[in-house]
Amino acid sequence: MNVSLAGIHHPTLPTIRMVEEIMKKTQYFRSKNQLSRQLPKQVMYPTLTRILDYLEESNKIVYNNDGSIVWIFADSHKIKEALKKSKPFTKL
């Protein structure tokens, strides 16, 4: 994990992927704390928060009103195959 001079934690790609894999596998966490305890490696809270912000911005997770976190990203093999077979979009 890299830390800038301003004290902002920048997660590494392996850390982001680790969190994504746990989120995909479990799909629902009551809290960030529950997610943090499920991770195979310890992740600093500010770093985990940045990763979750990224996942929310990329429409992979949502937060419920009660603070729970839900994985919503559709990672379907059928969708990937359909995208590969689709024709490219061209402007008229």
N, C-alpha and C. Protein backbone atom coordinates (compact mmCIF):
# COMPACT_ATOMS: atom_id res chain seq x y z
N MET A 1 0.85 -1.17 0.00
CA MET A 1 0.00 0.00 0.00
C MET A 1 0.89 1.23 0.00
N ASN A 2 0.59 2.18 -0.85
CA ASN A 2 1.34 3.43 -0.93
C ASN A 2 0.63 4.51 -0.14
N VAL A 3 1.41 5.35 0.53
CA VAL A 3 0.84 6.47 1.27
C VAL A 3 1.51 7.73 0.76
N SER A 4 0.72 8.72 0.35
CA SER A 4 1.28 9.97 -0.14
C SER A 4 1.65 10.85 1.04
N LEU A 5 2.32 11.96 0.76
CA LEU A 5 2.73 12.88 1.82
C LEU A 5 1.54 13.50 2.52
N ALA A 6 0.42 13.61 1.85
CA ALA A 6 -0.78 14.21 2.46
C ALA A 6 -1.49 13.22 3.39
N GLY A 7 -1.00 12.00 3.48
CA GLY A 7 -1.62 11.02 4.36
C GLY A 7 -2.77 10.26 3.73
N ILE A 8 -2.97 10.42 2.44
CA ILE A 8 -4.05 9.73 1.75
C ILE A 8 -3.56 8.34 1.36
N HIS A 9 -4.33 7.34 1.69
CA HIS A 9 -3.95 5.97 1.39
C HIS A 9 -4.41 5.60 -0.02
N HIS A 10 -3.47 5.10 -0.81
CA HIS A 10 -3.76 4.68 -2.17
C HIS A 10 -3.69 3.16 -2.23
N PRO A 11 -4.80 2.50 -2.42
CA PRO A 11 -4.78 1.03 -2.45
C PRO A 11 -4.07 0.52 -3.69
N THR A 12 -3.41 -0.61 -3.53
CA THR A 12 -2.75 -1.24 -4.67
C THR A 12 -3.78 -2.10 -5.42
N LEU A 13 -3.46 -2.42 -6.65
CA LEU A 13 -4.35 -3.25 -7.46
C LEU A 13 -4.63 -4.61 -6.80
N PRO A 14 -3.62 -5.29 -6.27
CA PRO A 14 -3.93 -6.57 -5.60
C PRO A 14 -4.90 -6.41 -4.42
N THR A 15 -4.80 -5.31 -3.70
CA THR A 15 -5.71 -5.08 -2.58
C THR A 15 -7.13 -4.83 -3.08
N ILE A 16 -7.26 -4.05 -4.14
CA ILE A 16 -8.58 -3.80 -4.73
C ILE A 16 -9.19 -5.10 -5.21
N ARG A 17 -8.40 -5.92 -5.89
CA ARG A 17 -8.90 -7.20 -6.41
C ARG A 17 -9.30 -8.14 -5.28
N MET A 18 -8.54 -8.12 -4.19
CA MET A 18 -8.87 -8.97 -3.04
C MET A 18 -10.24 -8.59 -2.48
N VAL A 19 -10.48 -7.29 -2.32
CA VAL A 19 -11.77 -6.83 -1.80
C VAL A 19 -12.89 -7.17 -2.78
N GLU A 20 -12.65 -6.95 -4.08
CA GLU A 20 -13.66 -7.29 -5.09
C GLU A 20 -14.03 -8.77 -5.04
N GLU A 21 -13.03 -9.64 -4.93
CA GLU A 21 -13.29 -11.09 -4.91
C GLU A 21 -14.13 -11.49 -3.70
N ILE A 22 -13.83 -10.94 -2.55
CA ILE A 22 -14.61 -11.25 -1.35
C ILE A 22 -16.03 -10.72 -1.50
N MET A 23 -16.16 -9.51 -2.06
CA MET A 23 -17.49 -8.92 -2.26
C MET A 23 -18.30 -9.78 -3.23
N LYS A 24 -17.69 -10.22 -4.34
CA LYS A 24 -18.38 -11.07 -5.32
C LYS A 24 -18.84 -12.38 -4.69
N LYS A 25 -17.96 -12.97 -3.91
CA LYS A 25 -18.23 -14.29 -3.32
C LYS A 25 -19.34 -14.22 -2.27
N THR A 26 -19.30 -13.21 -1.41
CA THR A 26 -20.24 -13.14 -0.29
C THR A 26 -21.49 -12.34 -0.63
N GLN A 27 -21.35 -11.30 -1.46
CA GLN A 27 -22.44 -10.47 -1.99
C GLN A 27 -23.08 -9.51 -1.00
N TYR A 28 -23.04 -9.77 0.30
CA TYR A 28 -23.72 -8.90 1.27
C TYR A 28 -22.92 -8.84 2.57
N PHE A 29 -22.73 -7.62 3.07
CA PHE A 29 -22.08 -7.41 4.35
C PHE A 29 -22.90 -6.42 5.16
N ARG A 30 -23.09 -6.70 6.43
CA ARG A 30 -23.87 -5.81 7.29
C ARG A 30 -23.17 -4.48 7.51
N SER A 31 -21.83 -4.49 7.43
CA SER A 31 -21.07 -3.27 7.70
C SER A 31 -19.67 -3.38 7.10
N LYS A 32 -18.96 -2.26 7.07
CA LYS A 32 -17.56 -2.27 6.63
C LYS A 32 -16.74 -3.14 7.58
N ASN A 33 -17.09 -3.08 8.85
CA ASN A 33 -16.36 -3.87 9.85
C ASN A 33 -16.48 -5.36 9.56
N GLN A 34 -17.67 -5.83 9.21
CA GLN A 34 -17.85 -7.24 8.88
C GLN A 34 -17.03 -7.61 7.65
N LEU A 35 -17.04 -6.74 6.64
CA LEU A 35 -16.24 -6.97 5.44
C LEU A 35 -14.76 -7.04 5.80
N SER A 36 -14.31 -6.08 6.59
CA SER A 36 -12.90 -6.02 6.99
C SER A 36 -12.46 -7.31 7.68
N ARG A 37 -13.31 -7.87 8.52
CA ARG A 37 -12.97 -9.10 9.24
C ARG A 37 -12.93 -10.31 8.32
N GLN A 38 -13.62 -10.26 7.19
CA GLN A 38 -13.66 -11.39 6.24
C GLN A 38 -12.45 -11.40 5.29
N LEU A 39 -11.73 -10.29 5.19
CA LEU A 39 -10.62 -10.21 4.26
C LEU A 39 -9.46 -11.09 4.72
N PRO A 40 -8.77 -11.76 3.78
CA PRO A 40 -7.66 -12.63 4.16
C PRO A 40 -6.45 -11.87 4.70
N LYS A 41 -6.32 -10.60 4.33
CA LYS A 41 -5.23 -9.75 4.82
C LYS A 41 -5.83 -8.49 5.43
N GLN A 42 -5.15 -7.96 6.42
CA GLN A 42 -5.63 -6.75 7.07
C GLN A 42 -5.46 -5.56 6.12
N VAL A 43 -6.50 -4.73 6.04
CA VAL A 43 -6.47 -3.52 5.21
C VAL A 43 -6.82 -2.35 6.12
N MET A 44 -6.04 -1.28 6.03
CA MET A 44 -6.31 -0.11 6.87
C MET A 44 -7.69 0.46 6.51
N TYR A 45 -8.39 0.95 7.52
CA TYR A 45 -9.76 1.43 7.33
C TYR A 45 -9.86 2.52 6.25
N PRO A 46 -8.96 3.54 6.24
CA PRO A 46 -9.05 4.55 5.16
C PRO A 46 -8.85 3.94 3.77
N THR A 47 -8.00 2.94 3.67
CA THR A 47 -7.77 2.28 2.39
C THR A 47 -9.00 1.51 1.96
N LEU A 48 -9.61 0.78 2.88
CA LEU A 48 -10.84 0.05 2.58
C LEU A 48 -11.95 1.00 2.16
N THR A 49 -12.04 2.13 2.82
CA THR A 49 -13.05 3.13 2.46
C THR A 49 -12.84 3.64 1.04
N ARG A 50 -11.59 3.89 0.66
CA ARG A 50 -11.31 4.34 -0.72
C ARG A 50 -11.67 3.27 -1.73
N ILE A 51 -11.38 2.02 -1.42
CA ILE A 51 -11.73 0.92 -2.33
C ILE A 51 -13.24 0.84 -2.49
N LEU A 52 -13.96 0.94 -1.39
CA LEU A 52 -15.43 0.87 -1.46
C LEU A 52 -16.00 2.07 -2.21
N ASP A 53 -15.38 3.24 -2.06
CA ASP A 53 -15.81 4.42 -2.83
C ASP A 53 -15.65 4.15 -4.32
N TYR A 54 -14.51 3.56 -4.70
CA TYR A 54 -14.27 3.22 -6.10
C TYR A 54 -15.31 2.21 -6.61
N LEU A 55 -15.57 1.18 -5.82
CA LEU A 55 -16.54 0.16 -6.23
C LEU A 55 -17.94 0.74 -6.36
N GLU A 56 -18.27 1.69 -5.50
CA GLU A 56 -19.59 2.34 -5.60
C GLU A 56 -19.66 3.22 -6.84
N GLU A 57 -18.60 3.98 -7.11
CA GLU A 57 -18.57 4.85 -8.30
C GLU A 57 -18.63 4.03 -9.59
N SER A 58 -18.08 2.83 -9.58
CA SER A 58 -18.09 1.98 -10.78
C SER A 58 -19.31 1.06 -10.82
N ASN A 59 -20.30 1.36 -9.97
CA ASN A 59 -21.58 0.63 -9.94
C ASN A 59 -21.42 -0.87 -9.69
N LYS A 60 -20.49 -1.22 -8.83
CA LYS A 60 -20.32 -2.62 -8.45
C LYS A 60 -20.95 -2.92 -7.10
N ILE A 61 -21.08 -1.89 -6.26
CA ILE A 61 -21.72 -2.08 -4.95
C ILE A 61 -22.69 -0.93 -4.71
N VAL A 62 -23.60 -1.15 -3.76
CA VAL A 62 -24.47 -0.09 -3.26
C VAL A 62 -24.52 -0.21 -1.74
N TYR A 63 -24.80 0.93 -1.11
CA TYR A 63 -25.01 0.96 0.33
C TYR A 63 -26.51 1.04 0.58
N ASN A 64 -27.00 0.21 1.47
CA ASN A 64 -28.39 0.30 1.90
C ASN A 64 -28.51 1.37 2.98
N ASN A 65 -29.73 1.78 3.28
CA ASN A 65 -29.97 2.80 4.30
C ASN A 65 -29.42 2.42 5.67
N ASP A 66 -29.35 1.13 5.94
CA ASP A 66 -28.84 0.67 7.24
C ASP A 66 -27.32 0.55 7.28
N GLY A 67 -26.64 0.94 6.18
CA GLY A 67 -25.18 0.90 6.13
C GLY A 67 -24.62 -0.41 5.59
N SER A 68 -25.48 -1.36 5.29
CA SER A 68 -25.00 -2.62 4.73
C SER A 68 -24.52 -2.39 3.29
N ILE A 69 -23.66 -3.29 2.84
CA ILE A 69 -23.04 -3.17 1.52
C ILE A 69 -23.44 -4.38 0.69
N VAL A 70 -23.88 -4.12 -0.55
CA VAL A 70 -24.36 -5.21 -1.42
C VAL A 70 -23.62 -5.15 -2.75
N TRP A 71 -23.12 -6.30 -3.19
CA TRP A 71 -22.49 -6.43 -4.51
C TRP A 71 -23.60 -6.52 -5.55
N ILE A 72 -23.60 -5.63 -6.56
CA ILE A 72 -24.66 -5.62 -7.56
C ILE A 72 -24.15 -5.81 -8.98
N PHE A 73 -22.85 -5.86 -9.16
CA PHE A 73 -22.28 -5.94 -10.50
C PHE A 73 -22.59 -7.29 -11.14
N ALA A 74 -23.14 -7.26 -12.34
CA ALA A 74 -23.47 -8.49 -13.07
C ALA A 74 -22.26 -8.93 -13.87
N ASP A 75 -21.61 -9.95 -13.41
CA ASP A 75 -20.42 -10.47 -14.08
C ASP A 75 -20.77 -11.82 -14.72
N SER A 76 -21.60 -11.75 -15.74
CA SER A 76 -22.15 -12.95 -16.34
C SER A 76 -21.36 -13.37 -17.58
N HIS A 77 -21.13 -14.66 -17.71
CA HIS A 77 -20.46 -15.20 -18.90
C HIS A 77 -21.28 -14.93 -20.16
N LYS A 78 -22.61 -15.04 -20.05
CA LYS A 78 -23.49 -14.79 -21.19
C LYS A 78 -23.39 -13.34 -21.66
N ILE A 79 -23.32 -12.42 -20.72
CA ILE A 79 -23.19 -11.00 -21.07
C ILE A 79 -21.87 -10.76 -21.79
N LYS A 80 -20.79 -11.34 -21.29
CA LYS A 80 -19.47 -11.16 -21.92
C LYS A 80 -19.47 -11.71 -23.35
N GLU A 81 -20.07 -12.87 -23.55
CA GLU A 81 -20.13 -13.47 -24.89
C GLU A 81 -20.97 -12.61 -25.83
N ALA A 82 -22.08 -12.08 -25.34
CA ALA A 82 -22.93 -11.22 -26.17
C ALA A 82 -22.19 -9.95 -26.57
N LEU A 83 -21.42 -9.39 -25.65
CA LEU A 83 -20.64 -8.19 -25.98
C LEU A 83 -19.56 -8.48 -27.01
N LYS A 84 -18.94 -9.65 -26.93
CA LYS A 84 -17.92 -10.02 -27.91
C LYS A 84 -18.51 -10.16 -29.31
N LYS A 85 -19.74 -10.67 -29.39
CA LYS A 85 -20.39 -10.91 -30.67
C LYS A 85 -21.10 -9.67 -31.22
N SER A 86 -21.26 -8.65 -30.40
CA SER A 86 -22.00 -7.47 -30.83
C SER A 86 -21.20 -6.66 -31.84
N LYS A 87 -21.91 -5.90 -32.64
CA LYS A 87 -21.28 -5.06 -33.65
C LYS A 87 -20.90 -3.73 -33.02
N PRO A 88 -19.80 -3.14 -33.47
CA PRO A 88 -19.40 -1.84 -32.91
C PRO A 88 -20.40 -0.75 -33.28
N PHE A 89 -20.54 0.20 -32.40
CA PHE A 89 -21.43 1.33 -32.62
C PHE A 89 -20.76 2.33 -33.55
N THR A 90 -21.49 2.78 -34.56
CA THR A 90 -20.96 3.80 -35.46
C THR A 90 -21.95 4.95 -35.53
N LYS A 91 -21.41 6.15 -35.56
CA LYS A 91 -22.27 7.33 -35.68
C LYS A 91 -22.75 7.46 -37.11
N LEU A 92 -23.95 7.96 -37.26
CA LEU A 92 -24.52 8.17 -38.59
C LEU A 92 -24.10 9.50 -39.14
